[in-house]
N, C-alpha and C. Protein backbone atom coordinates (compact mmCIF):
# COMPACT_ATOMS: atom_id res chain seq x y z
N MET A 1 16.55 -135.79 -56.44
CA MET A 1 16.81 -134.38 -56.18
C MET A 1 18.10 -134.26 -55.38
N PRO A 2 18.48 -133.04 -55.03
CA PRO A 2 19.80 -132.80 -54.44
C PRO A 2 20.05 -133.57 -53.15
N LEU A 3 21.30 -133.90 -52.95
CA LEU A 3 21.72 -134.61 -51.73
C LEU A 3 22.60 -133.68 -50.91
N PHE A 4 22.03 -132.65 -50.32
CA PHE A 4 22.84 -131.69 -49.60
C PHE A 4 22.09 -131.04 -48.46
N SER A 5 22.81 -130.26 -47.68
CA SER A 5 22.23 -129.60 -46.51
C SER A 5 22.24 -128.09 -46.71
N HIS A 6 22.08 -127.36 -45.61
CA HIS A 6 21.95 -125.91 -45.69
C HIS A 6 23.27 -125.19 -45.99
N ALA A 7 24.42 -125.81 -45.83
CA ALA A 7 25.71 -125.14 -45.99
C ALA A 7 26.25 -125.26 -47.41
N ILE A 8 25.40 -125.51 -48.37
CA ILE A 8 25.82 -125.72 -49.75
C ILE A 8 25.98 -124.39 -50.47
N GLU A 9 26.96 -124.35 -51.36
CA GLU A 9 27.23 -123.15 -52.15
C GLU A 9 26.08 -122.84 -53.09
N GLU A 10 25.77 -121.54 -53.23
CA GLU A 10 24.73 -121.04 -54.13
C GLU A 10 25.32 -119.95 -55.01
N PRO A 11 24.67 -119.64 -56.14
CA PRO A 11 25.15 -118.53 -56.96
C PRO A 11 25.07 -117.21 -56.17
N ASP A 12 25.98 -116.31 -56.46
CA ASP A 12 26.00 -115.01 -55.79
C ASP A 12 24.86 -114.14 -56.27
N TYR A 13 24.21 -113.47 -55.31
CA TYR A 13 23.18 -112.49 -55.66
C TYR A 13 23.09 -111.44 -54.57
N GLU A 14 22.46 -110.32 -54.91
CA GLU A 14 22.15 -109.31 -53.92
C GLU A 14 20.66 -108.99 -54.02
N VAL A 15 20.06 -108.73 -52.87
CA VAL A 15 18.66 -108.34 -52.83
C VAL A 15 18.61 -106.84 -53.10
N THR A 16 17.89 -106.45 -54.16
CA THR A 16 17.82 -105.04 -54.53
C THR A 16 16.55 -104.36 -54.01
N ARG A 17 15.54 -105.18 -53.68
CA ARG A 17 14.27 -104.63 -53.17
C ARG A 17 13.46 -105.75 -52.54
N LYS A 18 12.69 -105.43 -51.51
CA LYS A 18 11.80 -106.41 -50.88
C LYS A 18 10.37 -105.93 -51.01
N LEU A 19 9.48 -106.87 -51.37
CA LEU A 19 8.05 -106.60 -51.47
C LEU A 19 7.35 -107.62 -50.58
N ASP A 20 7.25 -107.37 -49.31
CA ASP A 20 6.64 -108.30 -48.36
C ASP A 20 7.35 -109.65 -48.44
N THR A 21 6.74 -110.69 -49.03
CA THR A 21 7.34 -112.03 -49.09
C THR A 21 8.18 -112.25 -50.35
N VAL A 22 8.32 -111.23 -51.18
CA VAL A 22 9.03 -111.35 -52.46
C VAL A 22 10.33 -110.54 -52.40
N GLU A 23 11.40 -111.14 -52.92
CA GLU A 23 12.66 -110.41 -53.06
C GLU A 23 12.95 -110.18 -54.54
N LEU A 24 13.44 -109.00 -54.86
CA LEU A 24 13.98 -108.73 -56.18
C LEU A 24 15.49 -108.89 -56.04
N ARG A 25 16.06 -109.79 -56.85
CA ARG A 25 17.47 -110.14 -56.72
C ARG A 25 18.23 -109.88 -58.01
N ARG A 26 19.49 -109.51 -57.86
CA ARG A 26 20.42 -109.37 -58.98
C ARG A 26 21.43 -110.50 -58.85
N TYR A 27 21.36 -111.48 -59.77
CA TYR A 27 22.28 -112.61 -59.77
C TYR A 27 23.50 -112.31 -60.63
N MET A 28 24.65 -112.77 -60.17
CA MET A 28 25.88 -112.70 -60.95
C MET A 28 25.89 -113.91 -61.90
N PRO A 29 26.70 -113.88 -62.96
CA PRO A 29 26.74 -115.03 -63.88
C PRO A 29 27.22 -116.29 -63.17
N TYR A 30 26.74 -117.44 -63.63
CA TYR A 30 27.18 -118.73 -63.11
C TYR A 30 27.02 -119.77 -64.21
N VAL A 31 27.70 -120.91 -64.04
CA VAL A 31 27.69 -121.98 -65.04
C VAL A 31 26.84 -123.13 -64.53
N VAL A 32 26.08 -123.74 -65.45
CA VAL A 32 25.22 -124.87 -65.11
C VAL A 32 25.50 -126.04 -66.04
N ALA A 33 25.20 -127.23 -65.53
CA ALA A 33 25.06 -128.43 -66.36
C ALA A 33 23.56 -128.63 -66.45
N GLU A 34 23.05 -128.83 -67.65
CA GLU A 34 21.60 -128.93 -67.82
C GLU A 34 21.22 -130.05 -68.76
N VAL A 35 19.97 -130.48 -68.62
CA VAL A 35 19.40 -131.47 -69.51
C VAL A 35 17.97 -131.04 -69.79
N VAL A 36 17.52 -131.23 -71.02
CA VAL A 36 16.14 -130.96 -71.40
C VAL A 36 15.48 -132.30 -71.69
N LEU A 37 14.39 -132.57 -70.97
CA LEU A 37 13.70 -133.85 -71.09
C LEU A 37 12.25 -133.65 -71.51
N ASP A 38 11.74 -134.58 -72.29
CA ASP A 38 10.33 -134.61 -72.62
C ASP A 38 9.65 -135.25 -71.43
N SER A 39 9.25 -134.42 -70.46
CA SER A 39 8.76 -134.93 -69.19
C SER A 39 7.75 -133.96 -68.59
N SER A 40 6.92 -134.46 -67.70
CA SER A 40 6.01 -133.60 -66.97
C SER A 40 6.79 -132.86 -65.89
N PRO A 41 6.27 -131.74 -65.41
CA PRO A 41 6.94 -131.04 -64.31
C PRO A 41 7.12 -131.93 -63.07
N GLU A 42 6.15 -132.79 -62.79
CA GLU A 42 6.22 -133.64 -61.61
C GLU A 42 7.34 -134.69 -61.71
N ASP A 43 7.66 -135.15 -62.92
CA ASP A 43 8.65 -136.21 -63.10
C ASP A 43 10.03 -135.72 -63.53
N ALA A 44 10.13 -134.47 -63.95
CA ALA A 44 11.39 -133.97 -64.53
C ALA A 44 12.57 -134.09 -63.59
N GLY A 45 12.39 -133.69 -62.33
CA GLY A 45 13.51 -133.70 -61.40
C GLY A 45 14.07 -135.09 -61.17
N SER A 46 13.19 -136.07 -60.94
CA SER A 46 13.68 -137.42 -60.67
C SER A 46 14.28 -138.07 -61.91
N LYS A 47 13.81 -137.69 -63.10
CA LYS A 47 14.39 -138.23 -64.33
C LYS A 47 15.74 -137.57 -64.65
N ALA A 48 15.86 -136.28 -64.36
CA ALA A 48 17.08 -135.55 -64.68
C ALA A 48 18.20 -135.78 -63.67
N PHE A 49 17.83 -136.06 -62.41
CA PHE A 49 18.83 -136.15 -61.37
C PHE A 49 19.94 -137.16 -61.68
N PRO A 50 19.64 -138.41 -62.04
CA PRO A 50 20.75 -139.35 -62.29
C PRO A 50 21.64 -138.93 -63.47
N ILE A 51 21.06 -138.27 -64.44
CA ILE A 51 21.84 -137.83 -65.61
C ILE A 51 22.82 -136.74 -65.19
N LEU A 52 22.33 -135.71 -64.48
CA LEU A 52 23.18 -134.60 -64.07
C LEU A 52 24.12 -134.99 -62.94
N ALA A 53 23.66 -135.84 -62.02
CA ALA A 53 24.54 -136.30 -60.94
C ALA A 53 25.71 -137.09 -61.52
N GLY A 54 25.45 -137.86 -62.57
CA GLY A 54 26.53 -138.59 -63.22
C GLY A 54 27.63 -137.65 -63.67
N TYR A 55 27.24 -136.52 -64.27
CA TYR A 55 28.23 -135.54 -64.74
C TYR A 55 29.04 -135.00 -63.57
N ILE A 56 28.38 -134.52 -62.51
CA ILE A 56 29.15 -133.88 -61.44
C ILE A 56 29.91 -134.88 -60.56
N PHE A 57 29.50 -136.16 -60.60
CA PHE A 57 30.21 -137.17 -59.82
C PHE A 57 31.28 -137.89 -60.63
N GLY A 58 31.66 -137.34 -61.81
CA GLY A 58 32.82 -137.84 -62.52
C GLY A 58 32.58 -138.47 -63.87
N LYS A 59 31.35 -138.57 -64.34
CA LYS A 59 31.11 -139.11 -65.68
C LYS A 59 31.26 -137.98 -66.70
N ASN A 60 32.53 -137.57 -66.84
CA ASN A 60 32.88 -136.51 -67.79
C ASN A 60 34.29 -136.78 -68.27
N LYS A 61 34.67 -136.13 -69.35
CA LYS A 61 36.03 -136.31 -69.86
C LYS A 61 36.98 -135.66 -68.88
N GLY A 62 37.84 -136.45 -68.28
CA GLY A 62 38.73 -136.00 -67.23
C GLY A 62 38.33 -136.56 -65.87
N GLU A 63 37.14 -137.16 -65.78
CA GLU A 63 36.63 -137.78 -64.56
C GLU A 63 36.69 -136.85 -63.35
N LYS A 64 36.48 -135.56 -63.59
CA LYS A 64 36.50 -134.55 -62.51
C LYS A 64 35.20 -134.63 -61.72
N LYS A 65 35.31 -134.55 -60.40
CA LYS A 65 34.15 -134.56 -59.52
C LYS A 65 33.96 -133.16 -58.95
N PHE A 66 32.69 -132.78 -58.81
CA PHE A 66 32.33 -131.48 -58.27
C PHE A 66 31.53 -131.65 -56.99
N ALA A 67 31.63 -130.67 -56.10
CA ALA A 67 30.78 -130.62 -54.92
C ALA A 67 29.36 -130.29 -55.36
N MET A 68 28.38 -130.81 -54.64
CA MET A 68 26.99 -130.49 -54.91
C MET A 68 26.73 -129.05 -54.52
N THR A 69 25.97 -128.34 -55.32
CA THR A 69 25.60 -126.96 -55.05
C THR A 69 24.08 -126.85 -55.06
N ALA A 70 23.59 -125.68 -54.80
CA ALA A 70 22.14 -125.44 -54.83
C ALA A 70 21.88 -124.14 -55.59
N PRO A 71 20.73 -123.97 -56.13
CA PRO A 71 19.62 -124.92 -56.19
C PRO A 71 19.70 -125.80 -57.42
N VAL A 72 18.80 -126.78 -57.48
CA VAL A 72 18.51 -127.48 -58.72
C VAL A 72 17.30 -126.76 -59.28
N THR A 73 17.41 -126.26 -60.51
CA THR A 73 16.30 -125.49 -61.08
C THR A 73 15.60 -126.28 -62.16
N GLN A 74 14.35 -125.90 -62.38
CA GLN A 74 13.52 -126.59 -63.37
C GLN A 74 12.57 -125.57 -63.99
N THR A 75 12.48 -125.59 -65.31
CA THR A 75 11.57 -124.68 -66.00
C THR A 75 11.06 -125.31 -67.28
N ALA A 76 9.88 -124.90 -67.70
CA ALA A 76 9.31 -125.39 -68.96
C ALA A 76 10.07 -124.81 -70.14
N VAL A 77 10.18 -125.60 -71.20
CA VAL A 77 10.87 -125.17 -72.40
C VAL A 77 9.88 -125.16 -73.56
N PRO A 78 9.54 -123.99 -74.08
CA PRO A 78 8.66 -123.98 -75.25
C PRO A 78 9.43 -124.39 -76.50
N VAL A 79 8.77 -125.09 -77.39
CA VAL A 79 9.37 -125.51 -78.65
C VAL A 79 8.65 -124.80 -79.78
N LYS A 80 9.40 -124.28 -80.73
CA LYS A 80 8.80 -123.63 -81.90
C LYS A 80 8.46 -124.69 -82.93
N MET A 81 7.26 -124.59 -83.46
CA MET A 81 6.84 -125.54 -84.50
C MET A 81 6.53 -124.78 -85.78
N GLU A 82 7.00 -125.32 -86.88
CA GLU A 82 6.68 -124.74 -88.19
C GLU A 82 5.22 -125.04 -88.53
N MET A 83 4.52 -124.07 -89.03
CA MET A 83 3.14 -124.26 -89.43
C MET A 83 3.09 -124.33 -90.96
N THR A 84 2.23 -125.16 -91.50
CA THR A 84 2.15 -125.30 -92.96
C THR A 84 1.32 -124.18 -93.57
N ALA A 85 0.42 -123.58 -92.79
CA ALA A 85 -0.39 -122.47 -93.28
C ALA A 85 0.45 -121.20 -93.28
N PRO A 86 -0.10 -120.07 -93.77
CA PRO A 86 0.65 -118.82 -93.78
C PRO A 86 1.11 -118.34 -92.40
N VAL A 87 0.48 -118.86 -91.32
CA VAL A 87 0.95 -118.51 -89.97
C VAL A 87 2.37 -119.04 -89.84
N THR A 88 3.28 -118.23 -89.30
CA THR A 88 4.68 -118.61 -89.30
C THR A 88 5.03 -119.66 -88.25
N GLN A 89 4.91 -119.33 -86.97
CA GLN A 89 5.30 -120.28 -85.92
C GLN A 89 4.41 -120.11 -84.71
N ALA A 90 4.30 -121.14 -83.92
CA ALA A 90 3.56 -121.08 -82.65
C ALA A 90 4.35 -121.82 -81.60
N ALA A 91 4.32 -121.33 -80.38
CA ALA A 91 5.03 -121.99 -79.29
C ALA A 91 4.10 -123.00 -78.63
N VAL A 92 4.62 -124.18 -78.38
CA VAL A 92 3.88 -125.21 -77.67
C VAL A 92 4.79 -125.78 -76.59
N PRO A 93 4.23 -126.38 -75.55
CA PRO A 93 5.09 -126.97 -74.53
C PRO A 93 6.06 -127.97 -75.14
N GLY A 94 7.32 -127.92 -74.69
CA GLY A 94 8.33 -128.77 -75.28
C GLY A 94 9.16 -129.55 -74.29
N GLY A 95 8.74 -129.65 -73.05
CA GLY A 95 9.52 -130.41 -72.09
C GLY A 95 9.98 -129.54 -70.95
N MET A 96 10.93 -130.08 -70.19
CA MET A 96 11.43 -129.40 -69.00
C MET A 96 12.95 -129.34 -69.04
N ARG A 97 13.49 -128.18 -68.65
CA ARG A 97 14.93 -127.98 -68.52
C ARG A 97 15.26 -128.06 -67.03
N VAL A 98 16.18 -128.95 -66.67
CA VAL A 98 16.63 -129.10 -65.29
C VAL A 98 18.12 -128.77 -65.27
N GLN A 99 18.53 -127.95 -64.28
CA GLN A 99 19.91 -127.49 -64.20
C GLN A 99 20.51 -127.75 -62.83
N PHE A 100 21.79 -128.15 -62.83
CA PHE A 100 22.62 -128.18 -61.63
C PHE A 100 23.57 -126.99 -61.77
N VAL A 101 23.67 -126.19 -60.73
CA VAL A 101 24.62 -125.08 -60.71
C VAL A 101 26.00 -125.68 -60.41
N LEU A 102 27.00 -125.28 -61.19
CA LEU A 102 28.37 -125.75 -60.93
C LEU A 102 29.05 -124.82 -59.93
N PRO A 103 30.05 -125.31 -59.20
CA PRO A 103 30.70 -124.50 -58.17
C PRO A 103 31.32 -123.21 -58.73
N LYS A 104 31.42 -122.22 -57.84
CA LYS A 104 32.05 -120.94 -58.22
C LYS A 104 33.46 -121.21 -58.71
N GLY A 105 33.88 -120.46 -59.69
CA GLY A 105 35.21 -120.64 -60.24
C GLY A 105 35.22 -121.55 -61.46
N VAL A 106 34.17 -122.34 -61.66
CA VAL A 106 34.08 -123.19 -62.86
C VAL A 106 33.53 -122.33 -63.99
N THR A 107 34.24 -122.34 -65.11
CA THR A 107 33.81 -121.60 -66.29
C THR A 107 33.53 -122.59 -67.42
N LEU A 108 32.96 -122.09 -68.50
CA LEU A 108 32.76 -122.98 -69.65
C LEU A 108 34.09 -123.50 -70.17
N ALA A 109 35.14 -122.69 -70.05
CA ALA A 109 36.46 -123.10 -70.53
C ALA A 109 37.10 -124.16 -69.63
N THR A 110 36.79 -124.15 -68.33
CA THR A 110 37.45 -125.09 -67.41
C THR A 110 36.58 -126.30 -67.06
N ALA A 111 35.30 -126.26 -67.35
CA ALA A 111 34.43 -127.40 -67.04
C ALA A 111 34.73 -128.55 -67.99
N PRO A 112 34.86 -129.77 -67.48
CA PRO A 112 35.13 -130.90 -68.36
C PRO A 112 33.92 -131.20 -69.25
N GLU A 113 34.21 -131.71 -70.43
CA GLU A 113 33.16 -132.04 -71.39
C GLU A 113 32.33 -133.23 -70.89
N PRO A 114 31.01 -133.11 -70.96
CA PRO A 114 30.17 -134.24 -70.54
C PRO A 114 30.36 -135.44 -71.46
N ILE A 115 30.28 -136.63 -70.90
CA ILE A 115 30.29 -137.86 -71.71
C ILE A 115 28.89 -138.12 -72.27
N ASP A 116 27.87 -137.88 -71.45
CA ASP A 116 26.48 -138.08 -71.86
C ASP A 116 26.07 -136.91 -72.76
N PRO A 117 25.69 -137.17 -74.01
CA PRO A 117 25.36 -136.07 -74.92
C PRO A 117 24.10 -135.29 -74.52
N ARG A 118 23.31 -135.82 -73.60
CA ARG A 118 22.14 -135.07 -73.14
C ARG A 118 22.52 -133.93 -72.21
N VAL A 119 23.69 -134.00 -71.59
CA VAL A 119 24.14 -132.96 -70.66
C VAL A 119 24.81 -131.85 -71.46
N GLN A 120 24.33 -130.65 -71.26
CA GLN A 120 24.90 -129.47 -71.91
C GLN A 120 25.40 -128.51 -70.83
N LEU A 121 26.47 -127.80 -71.14
CA LEU A 121 27.01 -126.80 -70.22
C LEU A 121 26.64 -125.42 -70.77
N ARG A 122 26.29 -124.52 -69.86
CA ARG A 122 25.86 -123.19 -70.29
C ARG A 122 26.16 -122.18 -69.20
N GLU A 123 26.55 -120.97 -69.61
CA GLU A 123 26.69 -119.89 -68.65
C GLU A 123 25.37 -119.15 -68.58
N VAL A 124 24.86 -119.00 -67.37
CA VAL A 124 23.67 -118.20 -67.14
C VAL A 124 24.15 -116.77 -66.92
N PRO A 125 23.74 -115.82 -67.75
CA PRO A 125 24.24 -114.45 -67.60
C PRO A 125 23.69 -113.78 -66.34
N ALA A 126 24.31 -112.70 -65.95
CA ALA A 126 23.79 -111.90 -64.84
C ALA A 126 22.36 -111.51 -65.18
N GLY A 127 21.52 -111.44 -64.16
CA GLY A 127 20.14 -111.10 -64.42
C GLY A 127 19.39 -110.72 -63.17
N ASN A 128 18.23 -110.10 -63.38
CA ASN A 128 17.37 -109.67 -62.29
C ASN A 128 16.14 -110.56 -62.22
N TRP A 129 15.85 -111.02 -61.01
CA TRP A 129 14.77 -111.98 -60.80
C TRP A 129 13.91 -111.57 -59.62
N ALA A 130 12.62 -111.85 -59.72
CA ALA A 130 11.70 -111.75 -58.59
C ALA A 130 11.58 -113.15 -58.01
N VAL A 131 11.69 -113.27 -56.69
CA VAL A 131 11.77 -114.59 -56.05
C VAL A 131 10.84 -114.64 -54.84
N ILE A 132 10.10 -115.73 -54.74
CA ILE A 132 9.33 -116.03 -53.54
C ILE A 132 9.86 -117.34 -52.96
N ARG A 133 10.08 -117.35 -51.65
CA ARG A 133 10.58 -118.54 -50.95
C ARG A 133 9.43 -119.16 -50.17
N TYR A 134 9.39 -120.49 -50.17
CA TYR A 134 8.36 -121.19 -49.40
C TYR A 134 8.87 -122.57 -49.02
N SER A 135 8.21 -123.18 -48.04
CA SER A 135 8.55 -124.54 -47.65
C SER A 135 7.41 -125.46 -48.05
N GLY A 136 7.57 -126.72 -47.77
CA GLY A 136 6.50 -127.67 -48.04
C GLY A 136 6.84 -128.64 -49.14
N THR A 137 5.82 -129.36 -49.54
CA THR A 137 5.98 -130.41 -50.54
C THR A 137 6.27 -129.82 -51.91
N TRP A 138 6.68 -130.69 -52.82
CA TRP A 138 6.95 -130.29 -54.21
C TRP A 138 5.73 -130.54 -55.08
N SER A 139 4.56 -130.46 -54.49
CA SER A 139 3.34 -130.71 -55.26
C SER A 139 3.05 -129.56 -56.21
N GLN A 140 2.31 -129.88 -57.26
CA GLN A 140 1.90 -128.86 -58.23
C GLN A 140 1.00 -127.83 -57.55
N ALA A 141 0.15 -128.26 -56.63
CA ALA A 141 -0.75 -127.34 -55.93
C ALA A 141 0.04 -126.32 -55.10
N ASN A 142 1.08 -126.77 -54.39
CA ASN A 142 1.90 -125.87 -53.59
C ASN A 142 2.64 -124.88 -54.49
N TYR A 143 3.19 -125.39 -55.60
CA TYR A 143 3.87 -124.55 -56.57
C TYR A 143 2.93 -123.48 -57.14
N LEU A 144 1.75 -123.89 -57.58
CA LEU A 144 0.81 -122.94 -58.19
C LEU A 144 0.32 -121.90 -57.19
N GLU A 145 0.11 -122.31 -55.94
CA GLU A 145 -0.30 -121.36 -54.91
C GLU A 145 0.74 -120.25 -54.74
N HIS A 146 2.01 -120.63 -54.66
CA HIS A 146 3.06 -119.64 -54.44
C HIS A 146 3.38 -118.84 -55.71
N LEU A 147 3.23 -119.46 -56.86
CA LEU A 147 3.39 -118.71 -58.11
C LEU A 147 2.31 -117.62 -58.18
N GLY A 148 1.08 -117.95 -57.79
CA GLY A 148 0.00 -116.96 -57.76
C GLY A 148 0.32 -115.81 -56.81
N GLU A 149 0.86 -116.13 -55.63
CA GLU A 149 1.25 -115.09 -54.66
C GLU A 149 2.34 -114.20 -55.24
N LEU A 150 3.31 -114.81 -55.91
CA LEU A 150 4.41 -114.05 -56.51
C LEU A 150 3.87 -113.10 -57.57
N LYS A 151 3.06 -113.61 -58.48
CA LYS A 151 2.52 -112.78 -59.55
C LYS A 151 1.64 -111.66 -59.01
N ALA A 152 0.83 -111.95 -57.99
CA ALA A 152 -0.04 -110.92 -57.41
C ALA A 152 0.79 -109.80 -56.77
N ALA A 153 1.85 -110.16 -56.03
CA ALA A 153 2.70 -109.16 -55.39
C ALA A 153 3.39 -108.28 -56.43
N LEU A 154 3.84 -108.90 -57.51
CA LEU A 154 4.52 -108.13 -58.56
C LEU A 154 3.55 -107.21 -59.30
N GLU A 155 2.36 -107.71 -59.55
CA GLU A 155 1.34 -106.89 -60.23
C GLU A 155 0.99 -105.68 -59.36
N GLU A 156 0.79 -105.92 -58.07
CA GLU A 156 0.46 -104.82 -57.15
C GLU A 156 1.57 -103.77 -57.10
N ALA A 157 2.82 -104.21 -57.21
CA ALA A 157 3.96 -103.29 -57.17
C ALA A 157 4.30 -102.70 -58.54
N GLY A 158 3.61 -103.16 -59.58
CA GLY A 158 3.88 -102.65 -60.93
C GLY A 158 5.19 -103.15 -61.51
N VAL A 159 5.60 -104.35 -61.12
CA VAL A 159 6.86 -104.93 -61.59
C VAL A 159 6.55 -105.93 -62.71
N ALA A 160 7.14 -105.70 -63.89
CA ALA A 160 6.90 -106.55 -65.06
C ALA A 160 7.92 -107.69 -65.11
N THR A 161 7.45 -108.84 -65.56
CA THR A 161 8.32 -110.01 -65.71
C THR A 161 8.24 -110.53 -67.14
N GLN A 162 9.12 -111.49 -67.42
CA GLN A 162 9.14 -112.12 -68.74
C GLN A 162 9.56 -113.57 -68.61
N GLY A 163 9.17 -114.38 -69.58
CA GLY A 163 9.62 -115.76 -69.61
C GLY A 163 8.84 -116.67 -68.68
N GLU A 164 9.28 -117.92 -68.64
CA GLU A 164 8.65 -118.97 -67.85
C GLU A 164 9.14 -118.92 -66.40
N PRO A 165 8.29 -119.28 -65.44
CA PRO A 165 8.74 -119.37 -64.06
C PRO A 165 9.76 -120.50 -63.89
N VAL A 166 10.66 -120.32 -62.93
CA VAL A 166 11.69 -121.30 -62.61
C VAL A 166 11.44 -121.81 -61.19
N LEU A 167 11.36 -123.13 -61.04
CA LEU A 167 11.26 -123.74 -59.72
C LEU A 167 12.68 -124.05 -59.26
N ALA A 168 13.04 -123.55 -58.07
CA ALA A 168 14.37 -123.80 -57.50
C ALA A 168 14.20 -124.61 -56.23
N ARG A 169 14.84 -125.79 -56.19
CA ARG A 169 14.77 -126.68 -55.03
C ARG A 169 16.14 -126.72 -54.36
N TYR A 170 16.15 -126.64 -53.05
CA TYR A 170 17.39 -126.57 -52.30
C TYR A 170 17.68 -127.79 -51.43
N ASN A 171 16.76 -128.73 -51.34
CA ASN A 171 16.94 -129.85 -50.42
C ASN A 171 16.69 -131.19 -51.08
N ALA A 172 17.19 -132.23 -50.42
CA ALA A 172 17.01 -133.61 -50.88
C ALA A 172 15.57 -134.05 -50.63
N PRO A 173 15.11 -135.05 -51.37
CA PRO A 173 13.74 -135.52 -51.18
C PRO A 173 13.47 -136.08 -49.78
N PHE A 174 14.50 -136.57 -49.11
CA PHE A 174 14.30 -137.11 -47.77
C PHE A 174 14.23 -136.03 -46.69
N THR A 175 14.44 -134.76 -47.07
CA THR A 175 14.29 -133.65 -46.12
C THR A 175 12.80 -133.54 -45.76
N PRO A 176 12.47 -133.48 -44.47
CA PRO A 176 11.05 -133.35 -44.12
C PRO A 176 10.43 -132.14 -44.82
N TRP A 177 9.21 -132.30 -45.31
CA TRP A 177 8.55 -131.28 -46.13
C TRP A 177 8.54 -129.91 -45.46
N PHE A 178 8.40 -129.86 -44.14
CA PHE A 178 8.30 -128.58 -43.45
C PHE A 178 9.66 -127.88 -43.29
N MET A 179 10.75 -128.59 -43.64
CA MET A 179 12.09 -128.00 -43.56
C MET A 179 12.65 -127.66 -44.95
N ARG A 180 11.91 -127.95 -45.99
CA ARG A 180 12.42 -127.71 -47.35
C ARG A 180 12.40 -126.23 -47.70
N ARG A 181 13.42 -125.84 -48.44
CA ARG A 181 13.48 -124.50 -49.01
C ARG A 181 13.21 -124.63 -50.50
N ASN A 182 12.13 -124.02 -50.93
CA ASN A 182 11.75 -123.97 -52.34
C ASN A 182 11.64 -122.51 -52.73
N GLU A 183 11.89 -122.21 -53.99
CA GLU A 183 11.70 -120.85 -54.49
C GLU A 183 11.11 -120.93 -55.89
N ILE A 184 10.42 -119.87 -56.27
CA ILE A 184 9.99 -119.67 -57.65
C ILE A 184 10.61 -118.35 -58.09
N TRP A 185 11.25 -118.38 -59.26
CA TRP A 185 11.90 -117.20 -59.82
C TRP A 185 11.15 -116.78 -61.09
N LEU A 186 10.96 -115.47 -61.25
CA LEU A 186 10.47 -114.90 -62.51
C LEU A 186 11.46 -113.83 -62.96
N ALA A 187 11.90 -113.89 -64.20
CA ALA A 187 12.85 -112.92 -64.73
C ALA A 187 12.15 -111.56 -64.84
N LEU A 188 12.85 -110.52 -64.41
CA LEU A 188 12.30 -109.17 -64.50
C LEU A 188 12.48 -108.62 -65.91
N HIS A 189 11.51 -107.85 -66.33
CA HIS A 189 11.53 -107.27 -67.69
C HIS A 189 12.43 -106.06 -67.70
């Protein structure tokens, strides 16, 4: 996971509304390096980190190095499968997408091409997200507890969401669990 401290660059956003422990945020566009792996949520970050770190630490055409930014995000990727019966398609779990945010000012046109074909560059468009922040371990139980709190707060406020939840991690694995900044993001409908 990330090797950085609290003074690391993050994508620009503004808080548009607060619901107790939940913030509704408007993010500006930003560019990411991402990899999609056939992996469990618990293993995705550690498997993706060396691949994405290679890209930002110079394993790219031009050998350009980037400063580490935050957060490292992770989300499930559904895969569409063709059905042989008259039913057209069904979504099934298809792995995990892990992203490193690239520094401000980097665009798809200026980012060097990855050498590793698993690394893809993508612009994340501006968007509205509901976010809950929490500390603690990266356990599935901690994640599910806070995802439940986020969904309950949004339901109570009548705020609709769409898509898969995104886990955003802001600290290195050696950061003591009680000092970690974690977030879960849900895209607003």
